[in-house]
C-alpha atoms as a PDB file:
ATOM      1  CA  MET A   1      -0.059  -0.051  -0.208  1.00  0.00           C
ATOM      2  CA  ARG A   2       1.209   3.007  -0.898  1.00  0.00           C
ATOM      3  CA  ARG A   3       0.808   6.168   1.108  1.00  0.00           C
ATOM      4  CA  GLY A   4      -0.466   9.326  -0.300  1.00  0.00           C
ATOM      5  CA  HIS A   5       1.395  12.045  -1.709  1.00  0.00           C
ATOM      6  CA  THR A   6       1.940  14.831   0.992  1.00  0.00           C
ATOM      7  CA  GLN A   7       2.162  18.503  -0.308  1.00  0.00           C
ATOM      8  CA  ILE A   8       3.455  21.157   2.078  1.00  0.00           C
ATOM      9  CA  VAL A   9       1.532  24.435   1.469  1.00  0.00           C
ATOM     10  CA  VAL A  10       3.272  27.641   2.269  1.00  0.00           C
ATOM     11  CA  PRO A  11       0.780  29.806   4.139  1.00  0.00           C
ATOM     12  CA  ASP A  12       0.027  32.954   1.983  1.00  0.00           C
ATOM     13  CA  ASN A  13       0.318  35.748   4.543  1.00  0.00           C
ATOM     14  CA  GLY A  14       1.819  38.282   2.187  1.00  0.00           C
ATOM     15  CA  VAL A  15       5.044  38.200   3.766  1.00  0.00           C
ATOM     16  CA  ALA A  16       6.999  38.274   0.193  1.00  0.00           C
ATOM     17  CA  GLU A  17       4.892  40.840  -1.073  1.00  0.00           C
ATOM     18  CA  GLY A  18       5.325  43.026   2.157  1.00  0.00           C
ATOM     19  CA  ARG A  19       9.093  42.760   1.531  1.00  0.00           C
ATOM     20  CA  TYR A  20       8.633  44.025  -1.852  1.00  0.00           C
ATOM     21  CA  VAL A  21       6.820  46.841  -0.937  1.00  0.00           C
ATOM     22  CA  GLY A  22       8.939  47.906   1.733  1.00  0.00           C
ATOM     23  CA  LEU A  23      11.807  47.794  -0.495  1.00  0.00           C
ATOM     24  CA  ALA A  24       9.820  49.748  -3.179  1.00  0.00           C
ATOM     25  CA  ILE A  25       9.168  52.512  -0.525  1.00  0.00           C
ATOM     26  CA  GLY A  26      12.664  52.269   0.802  1.00  0.00           C
ATOM     27  CA  GLY A  27      14.175  53.004  -2.636  1.00  0.00           C
ATOM     28  CA  ILE A  28      11.744  56.035  -3.426  1.00  0.00           C
ATOM     29  CA  LEU A  29      12.672  57.543   0.064  1.00  0.00           C
ATOM     30  CA  ALA A  30      16.339  56.878  -0.747  1.00  0.00           C
ATOM     31  CA  LEU A  31      16.060  58.628  -4.092  1.00  0.00           C
ATOM     32  CA  SER A  32      14.079  61.558  -2.724  1.00  0.00           C
ATOM     33  CA  ALA A  33      16.798  61.946  -0.219  1.00  0.00           C
ATOM     34  CA  LEU A  34      19.359  62.058  -2.913  1.00  0.00           C
ATOM     35  CA  LEU A  35      17.579  64.369  -5.205  1.00  0.00           C
ATOM     36  CA  LEU A  36      15.970  66.689  -2.902  1.00  0.00           C
ATOM     37  CA  PRO A  37      19.023  69.220  -2.730  1.00  0.00           C
ATOM     38  CA  PHE A  38      18.912  69.495  -6.613  1.00  0.00           C
ATOM     39  CA  HIS A  39      15.057  70.308  -6.548  1.00  0.00           C
ATOM     40  CA  GLN A  40      15.217  73.568  -4.234  1.00  0.00           C
ATOM     41  CA  ALA A  41      14.432  76.744  -5.460  1.00  0.00           C
ATOM     42  CA  HIS A  42      17.076  79.335  -4.931  1.00  0.00           C
ATOM     43  CA  HIS A  43      15.742  82.956  -4.379  1.00  0.00           C
ATOM     44  CA  LYS A  44      18.020  86.074  -4.144  1.00  0.00           C
ATOM     45  CA  GLY A  45      14.973  88.278  -3.899  1.00  0.00           C
ATOM     46  CA  PRO A  46      14.018  91.219  -6.064  1.00  0.00           C
ATOM     47  CA  ALA A  47      16.974  93.614  -7.045  1.00  0.00           C
ATOM     48  CA  LEU A  48      17.110  96.609  -4.832  1.00  0.00           C
ATOM     49  CA  ALA A  49      17.804 100.131  -6.047  1.00  0.00           C
ATOM     50  CA  SER A  50      21.072 101.729  -4.306  1.00  0.00           C
ATOM     51  CA  HIS A  51      18.517 103.952  -2.047  1.00  0.00           C
ATOM     52  CA  GLN A  52      16.397 101.158  -1.057  1.00  0.00           C
ATOM     53  CA  VAL A  53      16.825  98.367   1.996  1.00  0.00           C
ATOM     54  CA  ALA A  54      15.027  95.255   2.650  1.00  0.00           C
ATOM     55  CA  LEU A  55      13.169  95.211   5.665  1.00  0.00           C
ATOM     56  CA  ASP A  56      14.443  91.743   6.744  1.00  0.00           C
ATOM     57  CA  SER A  57      17.895  93.086   6.723  1.00  0.00           C
ATOM     58  CA  LEU A  58      17.132  95.579   9.334  1.00  0.00           C
ATOM     59  CA  ASP A  59      17.371  95.257  13.385  1.00  0.00           C
ATOM     60  CA  SER A  60      14.413  93.900  15.335  1.00  0.00           C
ATOM     61  CA  GLN A  61      13.438  97.368  16.794  1.00  0.00           C
ATOM     62  CA  VAL A  62      13.248  98.882  13.458  1.00  0.00           C
ATOM     63  CA  GLN A  63      11.381  95.859  11.816  1.00  0.00           C
ATOM     64  CA  VAL A  64       8.861  96.199  14.588  1.00  0.00           C
ATOM     65  CA  ALA A  65       8.479  99.933  14.364  1.00  0.00           C
ATOM     66  CA  VAL A  66       8.171  99.550  10.347  1.00  0.00           C
ATOM     67  CA  THR A  67       5.425  96.871  10.812  1.00  0.00           C
ATOM     68  CA  ASP A  68       3.501  99.239  13.201  1.00  0.00           C
ATOM     69  CA  LEU A  69       3.888 102.193  10.700  1.00  0.00           C
ATOM     70  CA  ARG A  70       2.360  99.897   8.085  1.00  0.00           C
ATOM     71  CA  LEU A  71      -0.560  99.229  10.043  1.00  0.00           C
ATOM     72  CA  THR A  72      -0.940 102.557  11.416  1.00  0.00           C
ATOM     73  CA  HIS A  73      -0.713 103.655   7.754  1.00  0.00           C
ATOM     74  CA  GLU A  74      -4.345 102.151   7.106  1.00  0.00           C
ATOM     75  CA  GLU A  75      -5.600 103.692  10.003  1.00  0.00           C
ATOM     76  CA  ILE A  76      -4.184 107.209   8.883  1.00  0.00           C
ATOM     77  CA  ARG A  77      -5.788 106.837   5.540  1.00  0.00           C
ATOM     78  CA  ASP A  78      -9.051 105.822   7.147  1.00  0.00           C
ATOM     79  CA  TRP A  79      -8.982 108.962   9.522  1.00  0.00           C
ATOM     80  CA  HIS A  80      -8.050 110.900   6.597  1.00  0.00           C
ATOM     81  CA  GLN A  81     -11.070 109.924   4.296  1.00  0.00           C
ATOM     82  CA  ASP A  82     -13.332 110.311   7.539  1.00  0.00           C
ATOM     83  CA  ASN A  83     -12.087 113.929   7.714  1.00  0.00           C
ATOM     84  CA  LEU A  84     -12.501 114.626   4.134  1.00  0.00           C
ATOM     85  CA  ASP A  85     -16.121 113.307   4.276  1.00  0.00           C
ATOM     86  CA  GLU A  86     -16.748 115.811   6.877  1.00  0.00           C
ATOM     87  CA  GLY A  87     -15.634 118.534   4.431  1.00  0.00           C
ATOM     88  CA  ARG A  88     -12.258 119.276   5.842  1.00  0.00           C
ATOM     89  CA  VAL A  89      -9.841 120.355   3.161  1.00  0.00           C
ATOM     90  CA  ASP A  90      -7.091 117.704   2.085  1.00  0.00           C
ATOM     91  CA  ALA A  91      -4.406 119.665   3.933  1.00  0.00           C
ATOM     92  CA  GLU A  92      -6.396 119.852   7.359  1.00  0.00           C
ATOM     93  CA  ALA A  93      -7.605 116.088   6.945  1.00  0.00           C
ATOM     94  CA  TRP A  94      -4.514 114.505   7.871  1.00  0.00           C
ATOM     95  CA  PRO A  95      -4.382 113.680  11.398  1.00  0.00           C
ATOM     96  CA  PRO A  96      -1.680 115.516  13.616  1.00  0.00           C
ATOM     97  CA  PRO A  97       0.444 113.277  15.601  1.00  0.00           C
ATOM     98  CA  ALA A  98      -0.807 114.380  18.765  1.00  0.00           C
ATOM     99  CA  GLU A  99      -4.195 112.858  17.664  1.00  0.00           C
ATOM    100  CA  LEU A 100      -2.730 109.573  16.883  1.00  0.00           C
ATOM    101  CA  ALA A 101      -0.828 109.502  20.083  1.00  0.00           C
ATOM    102  CA  GLU A 102      -4.073 110.071  21.969  1.00  0.00           C
ATOM    103  CA  ALA A 103      -5.699 107.006  19.809  1.00  0.00           C
ATOM    104  CA  PHE A 104      -2.712 105.075  21.121  1.00  0.00           C
ATOM    105  CA  LEU A 105      -1.607 104.046  17.594  1.00  0.00           C
ATOM    106  CA  PRO A 106       1.894 102.952  17.602  1.00  0.00           C
ATOM    107  CA  PRO A 107       4.563 104.109  17.233  1.00  0.00           C
ATOM    108  CA  PHE A 108       3.001 107.538  17.450  1.00  0.00           C
ATOM    109  CA  ASP A 109       1.842 106.825  21.180  1.00  0.00           C
ATOM    110  CA  GLY A 110       5.803 107.129  22.043  1.00  0.00           C
ATOM    111  CA  GLY A 111       5.769 110.656  21.474  1.00  0.00           C
ATOM    112  CA  GLN A 112       8.537 112.833  19.572  1.00  0.00           C
ATOM    113  CA  TRP A 113       6.513 112.470  16.196  1.00  0.00           C
ATOM    114  CA  HIS A 114       5.884 115.643  14.082  1.00  0.00           C
ATOM    115  CA  SER A 115       4.452 116.288  10.797  1.00  0.00           C
ATOM    116  CA  PRO A 116       6.240 118.581   8.672  1.00  0.00           C
ATOM    117  CA  ALA A 117       3.665 118.216   5.624  1.00  0.00           C
ATOM    118  CA  PRO A 118       0.068 116.993   5.368  1.00  0.00           C
ATOM    119  CA  GLY A 119       0.314 113.331   5.156  1.00  0.00           C
ATOM    120  CA  ARG A 120       4.150 112.880   6.074  1.00  0.00           C
ATOM    121  CA  TYR A 121       5.430 111.910   9.407  1.00  0.00           C
ATOM    122  CA  LEU A 122       8.803 112.036  11.243  1.00  0.00           C
ATOM    123  CA  GLY A 123       9.859 110.080  14.326  1.00  0.00           C
ATOM    124  CA  PRO A 124      12.808 108.813  16.033  1.00  0.00           C
ATOM    125  CA  ILE A 125      13.276 104.959  16.280  1.00  0.00           C
ATOM    126  CA  ALA A 126      16.449 103.119  17.466  1.00  0.00           C
ATOM    127  CA  GLY A 127      18.752 106.058  16.618  1.00  0.00           C
ATOM    128  CA  HIS A 128      17.241 106.424  13.147  1.00  0.00           C
ATOM    129  CA  THR A 129      14.447 108.737  11.828  1.00  0.00           C
ATOM    130  CA  LEU A 130      11.856 106.923  10.216  1.00  0.00           C
ATOM    131  CA  VAL A 131       9.591 108.943   7.438  1.00  0.00           C
ATOM    132  CA  ILE A 132       6.377 107.715   6.586  1.00  0.00           C
ATOM    133  CA  ASP A 133       4.402 109.215   3.405  1.00  0.00           C
ATOM    134  CA  SER A 134       0.664 108.354   3.824  1.00  0.00           C
ATOM    135  CA  ARG A 135      -0.419 110.106   0.881  1.00  0.00           C
ATOM    136  CA  ALA A 136       0.485 106.876  -1.252  1.00  0.00           C
ATOM    137  CA  ALA A 137      -1.811 103.807  -0.765  1.00  0.00           C
ATOM    138  CA  PRO A 138       1.153 101.587  -0.149  1.00  0.00           C
ATOM    139  CA  ALA A 139       2.966 103.201   2.672  1.00  0.00           C
ATOM    140  CA  GLU A 140       6.398 104.729   1.802  1.00  0.00           C
ATOM    141  CA  ILE A 141       8.537 104.520   4.572  1.00  0.00           C
ATOM    142  CA  TRP A 142      12.271 105.700   4.698  1.00  0.00           C
ATOM    143  CA  LEU A 143      14.979 105.009   7.356  1.00  0.00           C
ATOM    144  CA  CYS A 144      17.407 107.994   7.879  1.00  0.00           C
ATOM    145  CA  ASP A 145      20.334 108.381   9.989  1.00  0.00           C
ATOM    146  CA  ALA A 146      19.374 111.896  10.699  1.00  0.00           C
ATOM    147  CA  PRO A 147      16.364 114.196   9.977  1.00  0.00           C
ATOM    148  CA  PRO A 148      16.129 114.939   6.366  1.00  0.00           C
ATOM    149  CA  ALA A 149      16.200 118.332   5.115  1.00  0.00           C
ATOM    150  CA  GLY A 150      13.397 117.812   2.765  1.00  0.00           C
ATOM    151  CA  LEU A 151      10.685 115.333   1.993  1.00  0.00           C
ATOM    152  CA  ALA A 152      11.000 114.934  -1.838  1.00  0.00           C
ATOM    153  CA  ASP A 153      12.256 111.687  -2.876  1.00  0.00           C
ATOM    154  CA  THR A 154      15.595 113.146  -4.048  1.00  0.00           C
ATOM    155  CA  ASP A 155      16.099 114.927  -0.744  1.00  0.00           C
ATOM    156  CA  LEU A 156      15.680 111.750   0.907  1.00  0.00           C
ATOM    157  CA  ILE A 157      17.869 110.003  -1.281  1.00  0.00           C
ATOM    158  CA  THR A 158      20.787 112.541  -0.810  1.00  0.00           C
ATOM    159  CA  ALA A 159      20.175 112.893   2.914  1.00  0.00           C
ATOM    160  CA  PRO A 160      21.028 109.625   2.935  1.00  0.00           C
ATOM    161  CA  CYS A 161      18.076 107.737   3.919  1.00  0.00           C
ATOM    162  CA  HIS A 162      16.936 104.271   2.493  1.00  0.00           C
ATOM    163  CA  GLN A 163      13.430 103.436   1.366  1.00  0.00           C
ATOM    164  CA  VAL A 164      12.337 100.373   3.370  1.00  0.00           C
ATOM    165  CA  VAL A 165      10.843  97.786   1.060  1.00  0.00           C
ATOM    166  CA  THR A 166       9.580  94.118   1.665  1.00  0.00           C
ATOM    167  CA  PRO A 167       9.628  91.259  -0.743  1.00  0.00           C
ATOM    168  CA  GLY A 168       6.597  91.196  -2.940  1.00  0.00           C
ATOM    169  CA  PRO A 169       4.592  87.898  -3.718  1.00  0.00           C
ATOM    170  CA  GLN A 170       6.429  85.168  -5.435  1.00  0.00           C
ATOM    171  CA  THR A 171       5.047  84.660  -9.062  1.00  0.00           C
ATOM    172  CA  HIS A 172       6.198  81.146  -9.321  1.00  0.00           C
ATOM    173  CA  LYS A 173       5.613  78.269  -7.119  1.00  0.00           C
ATOM    174  CA  ASP A 174       8.216  77.412  -4.261  1.00  0.00           C
ATOM    175  CA  HIS A 175       9.344  74.080  -3.712  1.00  0.00           C
END
């Protein structure tokens, strides 16, 4: 009598497939780690004119003051528009620094600010003089080592003052 044929059946628990999937994932991760440095976007930022300075290159006190001025600029323009709506003439519609300080708008609440011309304000910050021109829709902010003699752009450039600029929105996809 012959005994029956015995066959060994290996259980199909997915061990072999799991190894292949694990190796594929590991290979993809290793390839990505090797190629990632070559896929980085390198930005030098916008080219600045000789009279301009980037906001992020300034010390922190000046950065805070410029950020405050940009926010306060919107309040100043709203205040100006409200005064125009009430019938004031343009030169009288710009709020004086004393009113801005009373409204606790930074950095005007620190005092020592003055307005040599309608819509323009000067004040000391961290050993510098900041000049803001609120007449323009985006605020024009200048950083001067000393108070400038005039407020025209050419006067500010020759003072020497530096126009504070922030990087614009990126027009391409960053990686």
